[in-house]
């Protein structure tokens, strides 16, 4: 794990902003033909002191279901992309596997809207990190879905040996 507990607020914020920029480059450029890149997420802000991160996802036609609403699997993917980026920053690993991701769907989103996902750390333990997230409509500001997630804190170099 990185030594974020001992960091000054300004230093932590700068490191977090750099992490967000790197993550977006990896997702949107390096993985452009994979689901992370296809989601075309952008930064919506981050706050080191609050342990929170916001990513925004445009709702596109290919992501909708047969009734023209954003597919639930895409909402789940947006949560996973956002929450994973936040978890990786605080646990200091390049890859943090998802243990669980529980999504509650509240109301639909439609093509042309933007899904605004805010993730927040609930607790960071020795082996597990717990997070929550909410997805809002950028057009209406209404909550569309909420999620709770758990990530495992692993040393990916050791796990692959």
Protein backbone atom coordinates (compact mmCIF):
# COMPACT_ATOMS: atom_id res chain seq x y z
CA UNK A 1 0.00 0.00 0.00
CA UNK A 2 1.12 3.54 -0.64
CA UNK A 3 1.76 5.73 2.40
CA UNK A 4 -1.32 7.89 1.83
CA UNK A 5 -2.10 8.16 5.56
CA UNK A 6 1.06 10.16 6.13
CA UNK A 7 0.69 12.41 3.07
CA UNK A 8 -0.12 16.06 3.26
CA UNK A 9 -3.42 16.97 1.63
CA UNK A 10 -1.87 18.92 -1.26
CA UNK A 11 0.66 16.19 -2.07
CA UNK A 12 -2.02 13.50 -1.93
CA UNK A 13 -4.36 15.52 -4.14
CA UNK A 14 -1.64 16.03 -6.76
CA UNK A 15 -0.79 12.31 -6.75
CA UNK A 16 -4.46 11.41 -7.02
CA UNK A 17 -4.98 13.75 -9.98
CA UNK A 18 -1.97 12.17 -11.72
CA UNK A 19 -3.42 8.71 -11.01
CA UNK A 20 -6.75 9.73 -12.57
CA UNK A 21 -5.00 11.07 -15.66
CA UNK A 22 -2.95 7.86 -16.00
CA UNK A 23 -6.04 5.67 -15.50
CA UNK A 24 -8.01 7.55 -18.15
CA UNK A 25 -5.11 7.22 -20.60
CA UNK A 26 -4.90 3.48 -19.91
CA UNK A 27 -8.65 3.02 -20.23
CA UNK A 28 -9.37 5.27 -23.21
CA UNK A 29 -6.18 4.90 -25.27
CA UNK A 30 -4.38 1.68 -24.33
CA UNK A 31 -7.66 -0.26 -23.98
CA UNK A 32 -9.70 1.58 -26.61
CA UNK A 33 -11.01 -1.65 -28.19
CA UNK A 34 -11.85 -3.24 -24.83
CA UNK A 35 -14.85 -2.42 -22.65
CA UNK A 36 -12.96 0.16 -20.56
CA UNK A 37 -12.08 2.14 -23.68
CA UNK A 38 -15.48 1.72 -25.26
CA UNK A 39 -17.03 3.37 -22.18
CA UNK A 40 -15.19 6.65 -23.06
CA UNK A 41 -15.10 7.88 -19.47
CA UNK A 42 -13.77 11.27 -18.47
CA UNK A 43 -12.72 12.81 -15.18
CA UNK A 44 -15.37 14.50 -13.10
CA UNK A 45 -13.09 15.32 -10.18
CA UNK A 46 -11.36 13.68 -7.25
CA UNK A 47 -10.83 14.56 -3.61
CA UNK A 48 -7.92 13.09 -1.67
CA UNK A 49 -9.26 14.14 1.74
CA UNK A 50 -12.74 12.71 1.07
CA UNK A 51 -11.24 9.60 -0.55
CA UNK A 52 -13.60 10.07 -3.49
CA UNK A 53 -13.45 10.02 -7.27
CA UNK A 54 -15.93 10.96 -10.01
CA UNK A 55 -15.92 9.58 -13.55
CA UNK A 56 -18.43 10.53 -16.25
CA UNK A 57 -19.69 8.19 -18.96
CA UNK A 58 -21.63 9.30 -22.06
CA UNK A 59 -24.73 7.18 -22.67
CA UNK A 60 -24.51 5.96 -26.27
CA UNK A 61 -26.89 3.96 -28.44
CA UNK A 62 -24.78 0.78 -28.38
CA UNK A 63 -25.17 0.72 -24.58
CA UNK A 64 -28.98 0.71 -24.55
CA UNK A 65 -31.33 -2.23 -24.18
CA UNK A 66 -34.37 -3.03 -26.32
CA UNK A 67 -36.49 -0.32 -24.67
CA UNK A 68 -33.89 2.40 -25.22
CA UNK A 69 -32.62 2.57 -21.64
CA UNK A 70 -29.02 2.21 -20.52
CA UNK A 71 -28.35 -1.49 -20.07
CA UNK A 72 -27.85 -2.55 -16.43
CA UNK A 73 -24.60 -4.30 -17.31
CA UNK A 74 -23.20 -1.01 -18.60
CA UNK A 75 -24.17 0.75 -15.37
CA UNK A 76 -22.41 -2.03 -13.47
CA UNK A 77 -19.35 -1.60 -15.70
CA UNK A 78 -19.30 2.16 -15.04
CA UNK A 79 -19.36 1.45 -11.30
CA UNK A 80 -16.56 -1.11 -11.62
CA UNK A 81 -14.33 1.20 -13.69
CA UNK A 82 -14.78 4.09 -11.25
CA UNK A 83 -14.53 2.15 -8.02
CA UNK A 84 -11.50 0.16 -9.22
CA UNK A 85 -9.63 3.36 -10.10
CA UNK A 86 -10.23 4.70 -6.60
CA UNK A 87 -9.33 1.41 -4.91
CA UNK A 88 -6.08 1.13 -6.90
CA UNK A 89 -5.01 4.60 -5.85
CA UNK A 90 -5.44 3.99 -2.12
CA UNK A 91 -4.13 0.44 -1.99
CA UNK A 92 -1.23 1.29 -4.28
CA UNK A 93 -1.54 -1.54 -6.77
CA UNK A 94 -1.86 -1.59 -10.54
CA UNK A 95 -4.66 -4.15 -10.39
CA UNK A 96 -7.17 -4.64 -7.59
CA UNK A 97 -9.51 -7.59 -8.20
CA UNK A 98 -13.20 -7.12 -7.49
CA UNK A 99 -14.48 -9.42 -4.74
CA UNK A 100 -18.07 -8.19 -4.90
CA UNK A 101 -20.09 -5.49 -6.59
CA UNK A 102 -23.70 -5.08 -5.52
CA UNK A 103 -25.76 -2.71 -7.68
CA UNK A 104 -29.19 -1.26 -6.92
CA UNK A 105 -31.00 0.16 -9.95
CA UNK A 106 -33.29 3.09 -9.15
CA UNK A 107 -34.32 4.78 -12.41
CA UNK A 108 -33.28 4.54 -16.08
CA UNK A 109 -30.84 6.61 -18.09
CA UNK A 110 -31.29 7.25 -21.79
CA UNK A 111 -29.10 7.82 -24.82
CA UNK A 112 -27.67 11.35 -24.90
CA UNK A 113 -27.41 11.65 -21.11
CA UNK A 114 -24.19 11.29 -19.13
CA UNK A 115 -23.82 8.89 -16.24
CA UNK A 116 -21.93 10.63 -13.41
CA UNK A 117 -20.46 8.06 -11.01
CA UNK A 118 -19.03 9.09 -7.65
CA UNK A 119 -17.12 6.46 -5.68
CA UNK A 120 -16.03 6.78 -2.07
CA UNK A 121 -13.86 4.63 0.19
CA UNK A 122 -15.71 3.25 3.21
CA UNK A 123 -12.77 1.41 4.78
CA UNK A 124 -9.34 0.12 3.89
CA UNK A 125 -8.20 -2.96 5.76
CA UNK A 126 -5.10 -5.10 5.57
CA UNK A 127 -6.63 -7.39 2.93
CA UNK A 128 -9.91 -5.77 1.75
CA UNK A 129 -11.08 -2.31 0.68
CA UNK A 130 -14.79 -1.42 0.93
CA UNK A 131 -16.33 1.29 -1.23
CA UNK A 132 -19.70 2.80 -2.11
CA UNK A 133 -20.81 4.60 -5.26
CA UNK A 134 -23.76 6.50 -6.71
CA UNK A 135 -24.63 7.15 -10.33
CA UNK A 136 -26.51 10.32 -11.25
CA UNK A 137 -27.98 11.66 -14.46
CA UNK A 138 -26.02 14.71 -15.60
CA UNK A 139 -29.19 16.06 -17.23
CA UNK A 140 -31.53 15.75 -14.24
CA UNK A 141 -29.19 15.30 -11.27
CA UNK A 142 -31.35 12.39 -10.09
CA UNK A 143 -29.81 9.24 -8.60
CA UNK A 144 -30.00 6.39 -11.12
CA UNK A 145 -28.26 3.61 -9.20
CA UNK A 146 -26.14 2.91 -6.15
CA UNK A 147 -23.48 0.32 -5.44
CA UNK A 148 -21.40 -1.24 -2.72
CA UNK A 149 -18.14 -2.94 -3.58
CA UNK A 150 -15.24 -4.85 -2.06
CA UNK A 151 -11.77 -5.10 -3.60
CA UNK A 152 -8.90 -7.30 -2.51
CA UNK A 153 -5.59 -5.64 -1.70
CA UNK A 154 -2.96 -7.73 -3.48
CA UNK A 155 0.65 -7.37 -4.48
CA UNK A 156 0.12 -8.24 -8.13
CA UNK A 157 3.83 -8.98 -8.65
CA UNK A 158 3.74 -11.69 -5.96
CA UNK A 159 0.34 -13.05 -7.05
CA UNK A 160 1.65 -13.85 -10.57
CA UNK A 161 4.71 -15.82 -9.41
